[in-house]
Amino acid sequence: MAAVWSDGAMQVRLQSFECVECGEVWSIGGPYCARCTEIRLGIVIRDTANAGLGVFAKRAMRRGDIVCPVVGEYLDESELERRYPGSTIAAYTLPVNRHIFADGISIRGIYSCINGCEKEADANVATRLAADDCEWPAEVVCVADIADGDELVLCYGDHYQAIVGLKHETRKIDEAVSTRVLDPGA
């Protein structure tokens, strides 16, 4: 059964995935389970004091290091507007470049747990298109050196900060809640 999560404004039924390393089934953190994320990538997803979940380094990382793949649905501008018309909040949508967006609303990859910062200069990670031979089209990379224990932060862009602000969090909720669950494919 898929987990249901809420950010207070909407609820989402997350798609589950099998870890590409060990086959364990998870709802958040694709493409790896928590254990394989820590072992293979040197990062962990855990609760933060002010924003629900966050991603933290479990080892020192250098500028230019690849942190993780961007796992989610890839949308062009027209699909993004169809799915999130007008001022609809697309809280887990990340610009990969000027025309491609990764949407983590129901396929919640590691990147979707990286919290945002207000200014690009304060970010220690960013996204970029991956090389043609990579399994996933985009990846998160270090734009600054990161110490063991530091939280990874990404600037999601001015549009995101203006709509959502810096206090956005998502928490798991009870399956029995009977309010609307977003179907991103609708």
C-alpha atoms as a PDB file:
ATOM      1  CA  MET A   1       0.000   0.000   0.000  1.00  0.00           C
ATOM      2  CA  ALA A   2       1.296   3.472  -0.858  1.00  0.00           C
ATOM      3  CA  ALA A   3       1.966   5.889   1.972  1.00  0.00           C
ATOM      4  CA  VAL A   4      -0.108   9.065   2.256  1.00  0.00           C
ATOM      5  CA  TRP A   5       1.742  12.262   3.155  1.00  0.00           C
ATOM      6  CA  SER A   6       0.467  15.805   3.650  1.00  0.00           C
ATOM      7  CA  ASP A   7       1.988  19.270   3.593  1.00  0.00           C
ATOM      8  CA  GLY A   8      -1.147  20.806   5.119  1.00  0.00           C
ATOM      9  CA  ALA A   9      -2.447  22.109   1.784  1.00  0.00           C
ATOM     10  CA  MET A  10      -2.818  18.787  -0.013  1.00  0.00           C
ATOM     11  CA  GLN A  11      -2.315  15.089   0.468  1.00  0.00           C
ATOM     12  CA  VAL A  12      -0.381  12.836  -1.852  1.00  0.00           C
ATOM     13  CA  ARG A  13      -0.328   9.078  -2.233  1.00  0.00           C
ATOM     14  CA  LEU A  14       3.325   8.288  -2.859  1.00  0.00           C
ATOM     15  CA  GLN A  15       4.318   5.606  -5.303  1.00  0.00           C
ATOM     16  CA  SER A  16       6.549   2.958  -3.786  1.00  0.00           C
ATOM     17  CA  PHE A  17       9.763   1.790  -5.443  1.00  0.00           C
ATOM     18  CA  GLU A  18      12.250  -1.008  -5.049  1.00  0.00           C
ATOM     19  CA  CYS A  19      15.764  -0.033  -4.015  1.00  0.00           C
ATOM     20  CA  VAL A  20      18.039  -0.507  -7.037  1.00  0.00           C
ATOM     21  CA  GLU A  21      20.716  -2.046  -4.787  1.00  0.00           C
ATOM     22  CA  CYS A  22      18.876  -4.437  -2.445  1.00  0.00           C
ATOM     23  CA  GLY A  23      15.245  -4.569  -3.652  1.00  0.00           C
ATOM     24  CA  GLU A  24      13.721  -3.310  -0.397  1.00  0.00           C
ATOM     25  CA  VAL A  25      10.455  -1.370  -0.971  1.00  0.00           C
ATOM     26  CA  TRP A  26      10.342   2.326   0.039  1.00  0.00           C
ATOM     27  CA  SER A  27       8.178   5.425  -0.526  1.00  0.00           C
ATOM     28  CA  ILE A  28      10.735   8.235  -0.032  1.00  0.00           C
ATOM     29  CA  GLY A  29      14.353   8.463  -1.137  1.00  0.00           C
ATOM     30  CA  GLY A  30      14.473   6.755  -4.511  1.00  0.00           C
ATOM     31  CA  PRO A  31      16.325   5.181  -6.101  1.00  0.00           C
ATOM     32  CA  TYR A  32      17.794   3.693  -2.903  1.00  0.00           C
ATOM     33  CA  CYS A  33      16.456   2.568   0.474  1.00  0.00           C
ATOM     34  CA  ALA A  34      17.765   4.403   3.564  1.00  0.00           C
ATOM     35  CA  ARG A  35      20.565   1.906   4.232  1.00  0.00           C
ATOM     36  CA  CYS A  36      21.817   1.898   0.623  1.00  0.00           C
ATOM     37  CA  THR A  37      21.535   5.715   0.391  1.00  0.00           C
ATOM     38  CA  GLU A  38      23.917   6.039   3.330  1.00  0.00           C
ATOM     39  CA  ILE A  39      26.321   3.323   2.138  1.00  0.00           C
ATOM     40  CA  ARG A  40      26.406   4.201  -1.570  1.00  0.00           C
ATOM     41  CA  LEU A  41      25.932   7.988  -1.525  1.00  0.00           C
ATOM     42  CA  GLY A  42      27.141   9.031   1.931  1.00  0.00           C
ATOM     43  CA  ILE A  43      23.941  10.935   2.768  1.00  0.00           C
ATOM     44  CA  VAL A  44      20.921  10.356   4.997  1.00  0.00           C
ATOM     45  CA  ILE A  45      17.326  11.582   4.959  1.00  0.00           C
ATOM     46  CA  ARG A  46      16.147  12.494   8.441  1.00  0.00           C
ATOM     47  CA  ASP A  47      13.882  14.849  10.358  1.00  0.00           C
ATOM     48  CA  THR A  48      14.947  18.465  10.634  1.00  0.00           C
ATOM     49  CA  ALA A  49      13.998  20.981  13.288  1.00  0.00           C
ATOM     50  CA  ASN A  50      12.176  23.361  10.953  1.00  0.00           C
ATOM     51  CA  ALA A  51      11.186  21.664   7.694  1.00  0.00           C
ATOM     52  CA  GLY A  52      10.048  18.053   8.088  1.00  0.00           C
ATOM     53  CA  LEU A  53      12.615  15.898   6.295  1.00  0.00           C
ATOM     54  CA  GLY A  54      16.048  16.993   5.134  1.00  0.00           C
ATOM     55  CA  VAL A  55      19.154  15.477   3.539  1.00  0.00           C
ATOM     56  CA  PHE A  56      22.423  15.443   5.490  1.00  0.00           C
ATOM     57  CA  ALA A  57      26.001  14.529   4.565  1.00  0.00           C
ATOM     58  CA  LYS A  58      27.456  11.486   6.308  1.00  0.00           C
ATOM     59  CA  ARG A  59      30.897  12.231   4.869  1.00  0.00           C
ATOM     60  CA  ALA A  60      32.771  15.248   3.579  1.00  0.00           C
ATOM     61  CA  MET A  61      31.926  16.179  -0.019  1.00  0.00           C
ATOM     62  CA  ARG A  62      33.834  18.426  -2.416  1.00  0.00           C
ATOM     63  CA  ARG A  63      32.578  20.992  -4.901  1.00  0.00           C
ATOM     64  CA  GLY A  64      31.689  19.124  -8.122  1.00  0.00           C
ATOM     65  CA  ASP A  65      30.881  15.793  -6.431  1.00  0.00           C
ATOM     66  CA  ILE A  66      27.668  14.112  -7.595  1.00  0.00           C
ATOM     67  CA  VAL A  67      25.302  13.764  -4.616  1.00  0.00           C
ATOM     68  CA  CYS A  68      22.376  11.794  -6.066  1.00  0.00           C
ATOM     69  CA  PRO A  69      20.259  11.305  -9.164  1.00  0.00           C
ATOM     70  CA  VAL A  70      17.106  13.372  -9.614  1.00  0.00           C
ATOM     71  CA  VAL A  71      14.406  10.687  -9.536  1.00  0.00           C
ATOM     72  CA  GLY A  72      10.885  11.892 -10.324  1.00  0.00           C
ATOM     73  CA  GLU A  73       8.663  12.618 -13.284  1.00  0.00           C
ATOM     74  CA  TYR A  74      10.233  14.890 -15.882  1.00  0.00           C
ATOM     75  CA  LEU A  75       7.920  17.580 -17.251  1.00  0.00           C
ATOM     76  CA  ASP A  76       8.233  20.208 -19.949  1.00  0.00           C
ATOM     77  CA  GLU A  77       6.815  23.705 -19.433  1.00  0.00           C
ATOM     78  CA  SER A  78       3.406  22.894 -20.932  1.00  0.00           C
ATOM     79  CA  GLU A  79       2.928  19.798 -18.732  1.00  0.00           C
ATOM     80  CA  LEU A  80       4.058  21.750 -15.664  1.00  0.00           C
ATOM     81  CA  GLU A  81       1.434  24.435 -16.383  1.00  0.00           C
ATOM     82  CA  ARG A  82      -1.260  21.811 -17.050  1.00  0.00           C
ATOM     83  CA  ARG A  83      -0.521  20.025 -13.785  1.00  0.00           C
ATOM     84  CA  TYR A  84      -0.051  23.184 -11.688  1.00  0.00           C
ATOM     85  CA  PRO A  85      -2.065  25.968 -13.381  1.00  0.00           C
ATOM     86  CA  GLY A  86      -1.639  29.626 -12.468  1.00  0.00           C
ATOM     87  CA  SER A  87      -0.466  30.109  -8.885  1.00  0.00           C
ATOM     88  CA  THR A  88      -0.920  26.449  -7.837  1.00  0.00           C
ATOM     89  CA  ILE A  89       1.977  25.464  -5.571  1.00  0.00           C
ATOM     90  CA  ALA A  90       4.310  22.897  -7.122  1.00  0.00           C
ATOM     91  CA  ALA A  91       6.206  22.318  -3.869  1.00  0.00           C
ATOM     92  CA  TYR A  92       8.213  19.284  -5.030  1.00  0.00           C
ATOM     93  CA  THR A  93       8.949  20.503  -8.544  1.00  0.00           C
ATOM     94  CA  LEU A  94      12.497  21.462  -9.317  1.00  0.00           C
ATOM     95  CA  PRO A  95      13.807  23.210 -12.427  1.00  0.00           C
ATOM     96  CA  VAL A  96      16.480  21.027 -14.033  1.00  0.00           C
ATOM     97  CA  ASN A  97      17.093  23.645 -16.692  1.00  0.00           C
ATOM     98  CA  ARG A  98      15.023  26.460 -18.197  1.00  0.00           C
ATOM     99  CA  HIS A  99      12.630  24.075 -19.964  1.00  0.00           C
ATOM    100  CA  ILE A 100      12.682  20.781 -18.022  1.00  0.00           C
ATOM    101  CA  PHE A 101      11.293  20.248 -14.507  1.00  0.00           C
ATOM    102  CA  ALA A 102      11.498  17.247 -12.174  1.00  0.00           C
ATOM    103  CA  ASP A 103       8.283  16.639 -10.241  1.00  0.00           C
ATOM    104  CA  GLY A 104       8.651  14.678  -7.015  1.00  0.00           C
ATOM    105  CA  ILE A 105       5.039  14.984  -5.855  1.00  0.00           C
ATOM    106  CA  SER A 106       4.318  11.251  -6.058  1.00  0.00           C
ATOM    107  CA  ILE A 107       7.700   9.763  -6.964  1.00  0.00           C
ATOM    108  CA  ARG A 108       9.649  11.109  -4.008  1.00  0.00           C
ATOM    109  CA  GLY A 109      13.349  10.798  -4.865  1.00  0.00           C
ATOM    110  CA  ILE A 110      16.160  11.921  -2.578  1.00  0.00           C
ATOM    111  CA  TYR A 111      16.295  15.385  -4.182  1.00  0.00           C
ATOM    112  CA  SER A 112      12.717  16.133  -3.081  1.00  0.00           C
ATOM    113  CA  CYS A 113      13.845  15.949   0.559  1.00  0.00           C
ATOM    114  CA  ILE A 114      16.591  18.567   0.083  1.00  0.00           C
ATOM    115  CA  ASN A 115      15.376  21.738   1.750  1.00  0.00           C
ATOM    116  CA  GLY A 116      15.501  25.101   0.051  1.00  0.00           C
ATOM    117  CA  CYS A 117      17.368  28.287   0.808  1.00  0.00           C
ATOM    118  CA  GLU A 118      16.339  31.803  -0.094  1.00  0.00           C
ATOM    119  CA  LYS A 119      19.404  32.850  -2.097  1.00  0.00           C
ATOM    120  CA  GLU A 120      21.365  30.874  -4.642  1.00  0.00           C
ATOM    121  CA  ALA A 121      24.583  31.998  -2.928  1.00  0.00           C
ATOM    122  CA  ASP A 122      23.470  30.123   0.240  1.00  0.00           C
ATOM    123  CA  ALA A 123      22.958  26.788  -1.578  1.00  0.00           C
ATOM    124  CA  ASN A 124      25.567  24.054  -1.250  1.00  0.00           C
ATOM    125  CA  VAL A 125      24.014  21.819  -3.972  1.00  0.00           C
ATOM    126  CA  ALA A 126      22.390  22.416  -7.360  1.00  0.00           C
ATOM    127  CA  THR A 127      20.914  20.360 -10.193  1.00  0.00           C
ATOM    128  CA  ARG A 128      22.308  19.776 -13.655  1.00  0.00           C
ATOM    129  CA  LEU A 129      21.583  17.585 -16.633  1.00  0.00           C
ATOM    130  CA  ALA A 130      23.461  14.312 -16.405  1.00  0.00           C
ATOM    131  CA  ALA A 131      25.727  12.857 -19.066  1.00  0.00           C
ATOM    132  CA  ASP A 132      23.946  11.005 -21.877  1.00  0.00           C
ATOM    133  CA  ASP A 133      25.069   7.602 -20.581  1.00  0.00           C
ATOM    134  CA  CYS A 134      23.524   8.084 -17.106  1.00  0.00           C
ATOM    135  CA  GLU A 135      20.421   6.161 -16.041  1.00  0.00           C
ATOM    136  CA  TRP A 136      18.645   9.335 -14.802  1.00  0.00           C
ATOM    137  CA  PRO A 137      18.455  12.554 -16.852  1.00  0.00           C
ATOM    138  CA  ALA A 138      19.544  14.907 -14.047  1.00  0.00           C
ATOM    139  CA  GLU A 139      21.628  14.876 -10.890  1.00  0.00           C
ATOM    140  CA  VAL A 140      22.275  16.899  -7.753  1.00  0.00           C
ATOM    141  CA  VAL A 141      25.880  18.121  -7.438  1.00  0.00           C
ATOM    142  CA  CYS A 142      27.864  19.984  -4.783  1.00  0.00           C
ATOM    143  CA  VAL A 143      28.432  23.657  -5.579  1.00  0.00           C
ATOM    144  CA  ALA A 144      30.456  24.105  -2.385  1.00  0.00           C
ATOM    145  CA  ASP A 145      32.468  21.875  -0.073  1.00  0.00           C
ATOM    146  CA  ILE A 146      30.172  20.141   2.445  1.00  0.00           C
ATOM    147  CA  ALA A 147      31.300  18.838   5.836  1.00  0.00           C
ATOM    148  CA  ASP A 148      30.157  15.587   7.434  1.00  0.00           C
ATOM    149  CA  GLY A 149      26.876  16.375   9.235  1.00  0.00           C
ATOM    150  CA  ASP A 150      25.962  19.459   7.160  1.00  0.00           C
ATOM    151  CA  GLU A 151      22.451  19.740   5.739  1.00  0.00           C
ATOM    152  CA  LEU A 152      22.246  19.936   1.955  1.00  0.00           C
ATOM    153  CA  VAL A 153      20.352  23.027   0.748  1.00  0.00           C
ATOM    154  CA  LEU A 154      19.236  23.912  -2.748  1.00  0.00           C
ATOM    155  CA  CYS A 155      17.845  27.154  -4.161  1.00  0.00           C
ATOM    156  CA  TYR A 156      14.568  26.137  -5.817  1.00  0.00           C
ATOM    157  CA  GLY A 157      14.246  29.565  -7.422  1.00  0.00           C
ATOM    158  CA  ASP A 158      12.481  32.854  -6.739  1.00  0.00           C
ATOM    159  CA  HIS A 159       9.078  31.522  -7.835  1.00  0.00           C
ATOM    160  CA  TYR A 160       9.208  28.785  -5.206  1.00  0.00           C
ATOM    161  CA  GLN A 161      10.302  31.043  -2.349  1.00  0.00           C
ATOM    162  CA  ALA A 162       7.667  33.646  -3.183  1.00  0.00           C
ATOM    163  CA  ILE A 163       4.837  31.106  -3.099  1.00  0.00           C
ATOM    164  CA  VAL A 164       5.883  28.661  -0.398  1.00  0.00           C
ATOM    165  CA  GLY A 165       8.378  30.554   1.741  1.00  0.00           C
ATOM    166  CA  LEU A 166      11.079  28.808   3.712  1.00  0.00           C
ATOM    167  CA  LYS A 167       8.778  27.094   6.243  1.00  0.00           C
ATOM    168  CA  HIS A 168       7.466  24.166   4.176  1.00  0.00           C
ATOM    169  CA  GLU A 169       7.254  20.705   5.654  1.00  0.00           C
ATOM    170  CA  THR A 170       5.698  17.373   4.835  1.00  0.00           C
ATOM    171  CA  ARG A 171       4.695  14.788   7.412  1.00  0.00           C
ATOM    172  CA  LYS A 172       3.308  11.275   7.127  1.00  0.00           C
ATOM    173  CA  ILE A 173      -0.379  11.125   8.031  1.00  0.00           C
ATOM    174  CA  ASP A 174      -2.832   8.432   9.001  1.00  0.00           C
ATOM    175  CA  GLU A 175      -4.103   6.261   6.130  1.00  0.00           C
ATOM    176  CA  ALA A 176      -7.663   6.668   7.486  1.00  0.00           C
ATOM    177  CA  VAL A 177      -7.844  10.400   6.728  1.00  0.00           C
ATOM    178  CA  SER A 178     -10.613  10.960   4.200  1.00  0.00           C
ATOM    179  CA  THR A 179      -9.606  14.179   2.451  1.00  0.00           C
ATOM    180  CA  ARG A 180      -8.593  14.676  -1.174  1.00  0.00           C
ATOM    181  CA  VAL A 181      -5.476  12.838  -2.330  1.00  0.00           C
ATOM    182  CA  LEU A 182      -3.746  14.409  -5.325  1.00  0.00           C
ATOM    183  CA  ASP A 183      -3.437  12.265  -8.427  1.00  0.00           C
ATOM    184  CA  PRO A 184      -0.606  13.915 -10.381  1.00  0.00           C
ATOM    185  CA  GLY A 185      -1.558  12.094 -13.543  1.00  0.00           C
ATOM    186  CA  ALA A 186      -5.113  13.486 -13.586  1.00  0.00           C
END
